[in-house]
Amino acid sequence: MNKPGLELSVPDTESVTIAEGTLVEAVTLALRYEMARDDCVVILGEDVGVNGGVFRATEGLQKQFGSNRVLDTPLAEGLIAGISIGMAAQGLKPVAEIQFMGFIFPALEQIACHAARLRNRTRGRLSCPLVIRAPFGGGIRAPEHHSESTEALLAHLPGLRVVVPSSAYKAYGLLLAAIRDPDPVIFLEPKRIYRAQRQRIPNDGQALPLDTCFTLREGTDLTLVSWGAMISECTQVANDLATRGISIELIDVATIKPLDMETIVTSVKKTGRCVIVHEAPRAGGVGADIAAQVNEQAFLELQAPVARVTGFDTIMPYARKEDIYMPNTIDIQSQIEKTLNFS
């Protein structure tokens, strides 16, 4: 249920400003806006129509736009991806939902071998304007296969963009940009913060730039890099350290493929120190790529080794041990202090 005063109806494409909304409501708002603006946009996935999706991100859209544009599919992720690619190749703009990121593996053959390669395979004759949405990450006490953070696997595939919003405002603007992009975008929604925060969302149809990091906080002592739900913990740590006179520059990566390393490297050259935080397992994570590139491009400006705070190289545990797995503010602050005190 939406809180009173939160108007998600978009009767036309004129600018409408709403008071505030959650991240999942921002997703709904962006989908509704773009469907009203562009008849080529269609939504498909498991339970996205009648039920409005498992997290209600597509609630009300089938009623407004009809079952020809909001399609309930069988429980078959490979089918969802394959049909979406065919739609995209023929001029539609499908937005496919995978109920949980852990269910995306049956669709990987279609994503890796066809969606990501279509432009290259046809020498630019065809493109694949496809968005695949997937809730991801832990923190909601979900069962197995519902809490994975395998963004690095997807980021490794040439031809894909991988986007991760960290707030309602960014979810709205980045999803609009993803739908309008002529190539496939994997849009990963951190479900732990789906309803954790409320934020003003201008429903004006203005997209945010893809392939760009956002500097959320200026600082001089250390560059703190993260994305998705972990931005919340990083913000809290930066605020706490500010009371002690420690100045943290906080960067939200937002698009993890392709990486905007210029923003990160420029920041690290200014601060001389860098800590990267992500929930995903440590081995082969996006944080390792960022650390490697920082070393390559800013080694002489570093005053301490680049450090990472990550999840463990193990399967996400069940509910009782989930908090042990997840990086927290204590972990982040401890690593920042070690990096600041390195000599």
Protein backbone atom coordinates (compact mmCIF):
# COMPACT_ATOMS: atom_id res chain seq x y z
CA MET A 1 0.00 0.00 0.00
CA ASN A 2 1.28 3.47 -0.85
CA LYS A 3 1.21 6.06 1.90
CA PRO A 4 -1.43 8.81 1.59
CA GLY A 5 -0.24 11.63 -0.60
CA LEU A 6 2.06 9.47 -2.74
CA GLU A 7 0.61 9.78 -6.24
CA LEU A 8 1.98 7.15 -8.59
CA SER A 9 -0.53 7.80 -11.37
CA VAL A 10 0.93 9.38 -14.48
CA PRO A 11 -1.96 10.40 -16.77
CA ASP A 12 0.45 12.06 -19.22
CA THR A 13 4.14 12.82 -19.50
CA GLU A 14 4.02 16.26 -17.93
CA SER A 15 6.13 16.99 -14.89
CA VAL A 16 4.52 15.85 -11.64
CA THR A 17 6.27 16.17 -8.29
CA ILE A 18 5.38 13.81 -5.47
CA ALA A 19 6.17 14.33 -1.83
CA GLU A 20 8.24 11.26 -1.15
CA GLY A 21 8.53 7.57 -1.95
CA THR A 22 10.49 4.40 -1.34
CA LEU A 23 12.92 2.80 -3.77
CA VAL A 24 10.38 0.20 -4.91
CA GLU A 25 7.78 2.93 -5.42
CA ALA A 26 10.32 4.85 -7.50
CA VAL A 27 10.71 1.79 -9.72
CA THR A 28 6.94 1.65 -10.22
CA LEU A 29 6.84 5.36 -10.93
CA ALA A 30 9.58 5.16 -13.56
CA LEU A 31 7.96 2.17 -15.25
CA ARG A 32 4.58 3.90 -15.34
CA TYR A 33 6.05 7.13 -16.67
CA GLU A 34 7.93 5.42 -19.48
CA MET A 35 5.02 3.18 -20.45
CA ALA A 36 2.79 6.26 -20.73
CA ARG A 37 5.45 8.06 -22.79
CA ASP A 38 6.46 5.22 -25.10
CA ASP A 39 4.06 2.56 -26.42
CA CYS A 40 7.02 0.31 -27.27
CA VAL A 41 7.76 -0.33 -23.58
CA VAL A 42 6.41 -3.67 -22.36
CA ILE A 43 6.84 -5.50 -19.06
CA LEU A 44 7.04 -9.24 -18.59
CA GLY A 45 7.94 -11.70 -15.87
CA GLU A 46 6.60 -14.06 -13.26
CA ASP A 47 3.56 -12.61 -11.45
CA VAL A 48 4.28 -9.06 -12.66
CA GLY A 49 0.75 -8.54 -13.95
CA VAL A 50 -2.14 -9.63 -11.77
CA ASN A 51 -0.10 -9.70 -8.55
CA GLY A 52 2.16 -6.75 -9.35
CA GLY A 53 5.37 -8.70 -8.72
CA VAL A 54 6.65 -10.40 -5.60
CA PHE A 55 7.72 -7.01 -4.19
CA ARG A 56 4.81 -5.15 -5.85
CA ALA A 57 7.14 -3.16 -8.10
CA THR A 58 4.71 -3.49 -11.02
CA GLU A 59 1.51 -3.12 -9.01
CA GLY A 60 -1.35 -1.56 -10.96
CA LEU A 61 0.48 -1.45 -14.30
CA GLN A 62 -1.45 -4.27 -15.96
CA LYS A 63 -4.74 -2.70 -14.93
CA GLN A 64 -3.67 0.62 -16.46
CA PHE A 65 -1.91 -0.56 -19.62
CA GLY A 66 -3.52 -3.93 -20.28
CA SER A 67 -2.33 -7.51 -20.47
CA ASN A 68 -0.76 -6.98 -23.91
CA ARG A 69 1.85 -4.68 -22.36
CA VAL A 70 2.22 -6.24 -18.90
CA LEU A 71 2.57 -9.98 -19.40
CA ASP A 72 2.56 -12.73 -16.78
CA THR A 73 4.93 -15.48 -17.89
CA PRO A 74 5.50 -19.10 -16.85
CA LEU A 75 8.16 -19.83 -14.22
CA ALA A 76 10.89 -20.03 -16.85
CA GLU A 77 13.70 -17.49 -16.71
CA GLY A 78 15.30 -18.73 -19.93
CA LEU A 79 12.02 -18.20 -21.72
CA ILE A 80 11.62 -14.71 -20.22
CA ALA A 81 15.07 -13.66 -21.42
CA GLY A 82 14.70 -15.28 -24.85
CA ILE A 83 11.31 -13.73 -25.58
CA SER A 84 12.58 -10.34 -24.39
CA ILE A 85 15.56 -10.47 -26.77
CA GLY A 86 13.24 -11.28 -29.67
CA MET A 87 10.97 -8.39 -28.72
CA ALA A 88 13.93 -6.01 -28.48
CA ALA A 89 15.31 -7.08 -31.86
CA GLN A 90 11.95 -6.27 -33.46
CA GLY A 91 11.56 -2.75 -32.08
CA LEU A 92 9.96 -3.17 -28.68
CA LYS A 93 11.57 -2.11 -25.40
CA PRO A 94 10.98 -4.98 -22.98
CA VAL A 95 11.56 -4.64 -19.24
CA ALA A 96 11.85 -8.18 -17.91
CA GLU A 97 11.74 -9.04 -14.23
CA ILE A 98 13.66 -11.92 -12.69
CA GLN A 99 12.01 -12.45 -9.31
CA PHE A 100 15.31 -12.82 -7.44
CA MET A 101 18.88 -12.51 -8.69
CA GLY A 102 19.53 -16.08 -7.62
CA PHE A 103 17.06 -17.23 -10.29
CA ILE A 104 18.90 -15.52 -13.15
CA PHE A 105 21.18 -18.46 -13.98
CA PRO A 106 18.75 -20.25 -16.35
CA ALA A 107 18.61 -16.97 -18.32
CA LEU A 108 22.38 -16.53 -18.57
CA GLU A 109 22.72 -18.44 -21.83
CA GLN A 110 20.30 -16.06 -23.51
CA ILE A 111 21.83 -12.99 -21.84
CA ALA A 112 25.47 -13.87 -22.53
CA CYS A 113 25.16 -15.47 -25.95
CA HIS A 114 22.45 -13.32 -27.51
CA ALA A 115 21.48 -10.11 -25.67
CA ALA A 116 25.06 -9.02 -25.02
CA ARG A 117 26.24 -9.97 -28.54
CA LEU A 118 23.38 -8.88 -30.77
CA ARG A 119 24.83 -5.51 -31.81
CA ASN A 120 28.27 -7.02 -32.48
CA ARG A 121 26.90 -10.10 -34.23
CA THR A 122 24.83 -8.02 -36.67
CA ARG A 123 27.56 -5.38 -37.11
CA GLY A 124 25.22 -2.75 -35.71
CA ARG A 125 22.20 -3.67 -37.83
CA LEU A 126 20.28 -4.73 -34.72
CA SER A 127 20.47 -3.58 -31.15
CA CYS A 128 18.90 -4.97 -28.01
CA PRO A 129 17.09 -2.27 -25.99
CA LEU A 130 16.33 -4.63 -23.12
CA VAL A 131 16.25 -4.08 -19.37
CA ILE A 132 16.40 -7.04 -17.02
CA ARG A 133 15.37 -6.07 -13.49
CA ALA A 134 16.29 -8.27 -10.54
CA PRO A 135 16.05 -7.75 -6.77
CA PHE A 136 19.38 -8.73 -5.24
CA GLY A 137 21.39 -8.90 -2.04
CA GLY A 138 20.76 -10.12 1.48
CA GLY A 139 19.43 -8.59 4.64
CA ILE A 140 15.76 -9.61 4.48
CA ARG A 141 16.04 -13.11 6.00
CA ALA A 142 15.22 -14.79 2.70
CA PRO A 143 15.72 -18.51 1.94
CA GLU A 144 18.37 -20.00 -0.34
CA HIS A 145 18.88 -18.50 -3.84
CA HIS A 146 17.09 -15.30 -2.78
CA SER A 147 20.05 -13.32 -1.38
CA GLU A 148 22.87 -13.58 -3.91
CA SER A 149 25.04 -10.67 -5.02
CA THR A 150 26.61 -11.94 -8.23
CA GLU A 151 26.94 -8.61 -10.00
CA ALA A 152 30.60 -9.31 -10.83
CA LEU A 153 29.57 -12.32 -12.92
CA LEU A 154 27.31 -10.13 -15.05
CA ALA A 155 29.81 -7.27 -15.18
CA HIS A 156 32.34 -9.65 -16.72
CA LEU A 157 30.20 -10.11 -19.84
CA PRO A 158 31.09 -7.71 -22.68
CA GLY A 159 28.07 -5.98 -24.17
CA LEU A 160 26.11 -5.54 -20.94
CA ARG A 161 25.60 -2.55 -18.71
CA VAL A 162 25.12 -3.34 -15.02
CA VAL A 163 23.39 -0.67 -12.94
CA VAL A 164 22.70 -0.61 -9.19
CA PRO A 165 20.66 2.23 -7.64
CA SER A 166 21.26 3.19 -4.02
CA SER A 167 18.18 5.33 -3.32
CA ALA A 168 14.68 6.08 -4.55
CA TYR A 169 15.80 9.16 -6.48
CA LYS A 170 18.53 7.24 -8.27
CA ALA A 171 16.27 4.26 -8.95
CA TYR A 172 13.82 6.52 -10.78
CA GLY A 173 16.39 8.36 -12.90
CA LEU A 174 18.63 5.39 -13.64
CA LEU A 175 15.73 3.12 -14.61
CA LEU A 176 14.46 5.72 -17.07
CA ALA A 177 17.96 5.90 -18.56
CA ALA A 178 18.20 2.11 -18.72
CA ILE A 179 14.88 1.76 -20.58
CA ARG A 180 15.93 4.45 -23.08
CA ASP A 181 19.35 2.89 -23.69
CA PRO A 182 19.65 1.07 -27.04
CA ASP A 183 21.64 -1.81 -25.52
CA PRO A 184 20.92 -4.38 -22.78
CA VAL A 185 21.01 -3.20 -19.18
CA ILE A 186 20.96 -5.40 -16.08
CA PHE A 187 19.20 -3.32 -13.42
CA LEU A 188 19.88 -4.73 -9.96
CA GLU A 189 17.61 -3.46 -7.20
CA PRO A 190 18.92 -3.81 -3.60
CA LYS A 191 15.85 -5.25 -1.95
CA ARG A 192 17.15 -4.61 1.58
CA ILE A 193 16.43 -0.92 1.05
CA TYR A 194 13.28 -1.32 -1.08
CA ARG A 195 11.21 0.21 1.72
CA ALA A 196 13.89 1.29 4.21
CA GLN A 197 13.97 4.96 3.23
CA ARG A 198 11.66 7.58 1.79
CA GLN A 199 12.93 10.30 -0.49
CA ARG A 200 11.56 13.09 -2.66
CA ILE A 201 11.16 11.91 -6.25
CA PRO A 202 10.44 14.48 -8.96
CA ASN A 203 8.29 12.65 -11.49
CA ASP A 204 9.55 14.75 -14.37
CA GLY A 205 10.87 12.05 -16.69
CA GLN A 206 14.45 13.23 -16.27
CA ALA A 207 16.93 10.37 -16.55
CA LEU A 208 20.18 10.24 -14.62
CA PRO A 209 23.39 9.51 -16.52
CA LEU A 210 24.57 5.93 -16.85
CA ASP A 211 28.27 5.01 -16.72
CA THR A 212 28.83 7.70 -14.07
CA CYS A 213 29.77 7.58 -10.41
CA PHE A 214 28.03 9.99 -8.03
CA THR A 215 30.07 11.79 -5.39
CA LEU A 216 27.68 11.84 -2.46
CA ARG A 217 30.01 13.58 -0.04
CA GLU A 218 33.15 15.64 -0.53
CA GLY A 219 36.13 14.81 1.68
CA THR A 220 39.90 15.07 1.99
CA ASP A 221 41.14 12.20 4.19
CA LEU A 222 39.90 9.03 2.46
CA THR A 223 37.82 7.91 -0.52
CA LEU A 224 35.06 5.45 0.40
CA VAL A 225 33.62 3.60 -2.62
CA SER A 226 30.45 1.50 -2.65
CA TRP A 227 27.11 0.89 -4.38
CA GLY A 228 23.58 -0.33 -3.73
CA ALA A 229 22.39 -1.01 -0.20
CA MET A 230 25.88 -0.64 1.31
CA ILE A 231 25.75 3.09 0.61
CA SER A 232 23.52 3.34 3.70
CA GLU A 233 26.17 1.90 6.02
CA CYS A 234 28.91 3.93 4.33
CA THR A 235 26.91 7.14 4.79
CA GLN A 236 26.41 6.39 8.47
CA VAL A 237 30.12 5.75 8.96
CA ALA A 238 31.07 8.93 7.10
CA ASN A 239 28.68 10.93 9.29
CA ASP A 240 30.04 9.37 12.49
CA LEU A 241 33.65 9.99 11.52
CA ALA A 242 32.87 13.60 10.63
CA THR A 243 32.08 14.24 14.29
CA ARG A 244 35.70 13.25 15.01
CA GLY A 245 37.10 15.56 12.37
CA ILE A 246 37.73 12.82 9.78
CA SER A 247 36.71 13.89 6.28
CA ILE A 248 35.41 11.07 4.06
CA GLU A 249 34.70 11.42 0.35
CA LEU A 250 31.86 8.99 -0.46
CA ILE A 251 31.39 7.72 -4.00
CA ASP A 252 28.34 5.78 -5.23
CA VAL A 253 29.53 3.72 -8.20
CA ALA A 254 25.91 3.27 -9.52
CA THR A 255 27.01 1.76 -12.85
CA ILE A 256 29.44 -1.04 -12.12
CA LYS A 257 29.85 -1.87 -15.80
CA PRO A 258 31.28 0.16 -17.43
CA LEU A 259 33.10 1.68 -14.46
CA ASP A 260 33.59 5.42 -14.23
CA MET A 261 37.17 5.14 -13.00
CA GLU A 262 37.92 8.78 -13.76
CA THR A 263 35.76 9.96 -10.86
CA ILE A 264 37.21 7.36 -8.48
CA VAL A 265 40.85 7.94 -9.46
CA THR A 266 40.49 11.72 -9.27
CA SER A 267 39.12 11.36 -5.74
CA VAL A 268 41.87 8.95 -4.65
CA LYS A 269 44.56 11.26 -6.00
CA LYS A 270 43.09 13.96 -3.78
CA THR A 271 42.69 11.91 -0.59
CA GLY A 272 45.55 9.41 -0.97
CA ARG A 273 43.54 6.57 0.57
CA CYS A 274 40.76 4.27 -0.64
CA VAL A 275 38.42 1.73 0.97
CA ILE A 276 35.94 -0.21 -1.17
CA VAL A 277 32.82 -1.79 0.35
CA HIS A 278 30.55 -4.40 -1.21
CA GLU A 279 28.25 -7.14 0.04
CA ALA A 280 29.24 -9.62 -2.66
CA PRO A 281 31.91 -12.27 -2.01
CA ARG A 282 35.49 -11.01 -1.97
CA ALA A 283 37.10 -13.21 -4.64
CA GLY A 284 36.72 -11.78 -8.13
CA GLY A 285 34.42 -9.02 -6.92
CA VAL A 286 33.95 -5.64 -8.57
CA GLY A 287 35.95 -4.18 -5.67
CA ALA A 288 39.01 -6.09 -6.83
CA ASP A 289 38.74 -4.52 -10.29
CA ILE A 290 38.40 -1.04 -8.79
CA ALA A 291 41.40 -1.65 -6.50
CA ALA A 292 43.52 -2.87 -9.42
CA GLN A 293 42.68 0.16 -11.53
CA VAL A 294 43.34 2.56 -8.66
CA ASN A 295 46.77 0.96 -8.23
CA GLU A 296 47.45 1.25 -11.95
CA GLN A 297 46.37 4.88 -12.24
CA ALA A 298 47.09 6.45 -8.84
CA PHE A 299 49.84 4.35 -7.27
CA LEU A 300 52.22 7.24 -6.63
CA GLU A 301 49.50 9.26 -4.88
CA LEU A 302 48.51 6.44 -2.50
CA GLN A 303 49.50 6.84 1.14
CA ALA A 304 48.17 3.38 2.11
CA PRO A 305 47.20 0.15 0.32
CA VAL A 306 43.74 0.08 -1.21
CA ALA A 307 41.49 -1.92 1.16
CA ARG A 308 38.24 -3.85 0.74
CA VAL A 309 35.38 -4.64 3.12
CA THR A 310 33.28 -7.42 1.59
CA GLY A 311 31.12 -10.45 2.10
CA PHE A 312 32.71 -13.84 2.56
CA ASP A 313 33.64 -16.37 -0.11
CA THR A 314 30.83 -18.64 0.90
CA ILE A 315 27.15 -19.13 0.18
CA MET A 316 24.93 -16.57 1.88
CA PRO A 317 23.85 -18.22 5.15
CA TYR A 318 20.30 -18.64 6.35
CA ALA A 319 18.56 -16.05 8.50
CA ARG A 320 20.22 -16.61 11.89
CA LYS A 321 23.75 -16.11 10.53
CA GLU A 322 23.00 -13.54 7.83
CA ASP A 323 24.18 -10.63 9.99
CA ILE A 324 27.57 -12.31 10.39
CA TYR A 325 27.98 -12.41 6.62
CA MET A 326 26.89 -8.86 5.86
CA PRO A 327 29.49 -6.06 6.16
CA ASN A 328 28.40 -3.60 8.84
CA THR A 329 29.33 -0.15 10.09
CA ILE A 330 31.80 -1.58 12.62
CA ASP A 331 33.65 -3.47 9.86
CA ILE A 332 33.74 -0.41 7.62
CA GLN A 333 34.88 2.00 10.33
CA SER A 334 37.55 -0.42 11.55
CA GLN A 335 39.04 -0.74 8.06
CA ILE A 336 38.94 3.01 7.52
CA GLU A 337 40.84 3.56 10.75
CA LYS A 338 43.46 0.97 9.75
CA THR A 339 43.90 2.66 6.40
CA LEU A 340 44.15 6.11 7.95
CA ASN A 341 46.74 4.87 10.47
CA PHE A 342 48.85 2.97 7.95
CA SER A 343 52.50 3.86 8.01
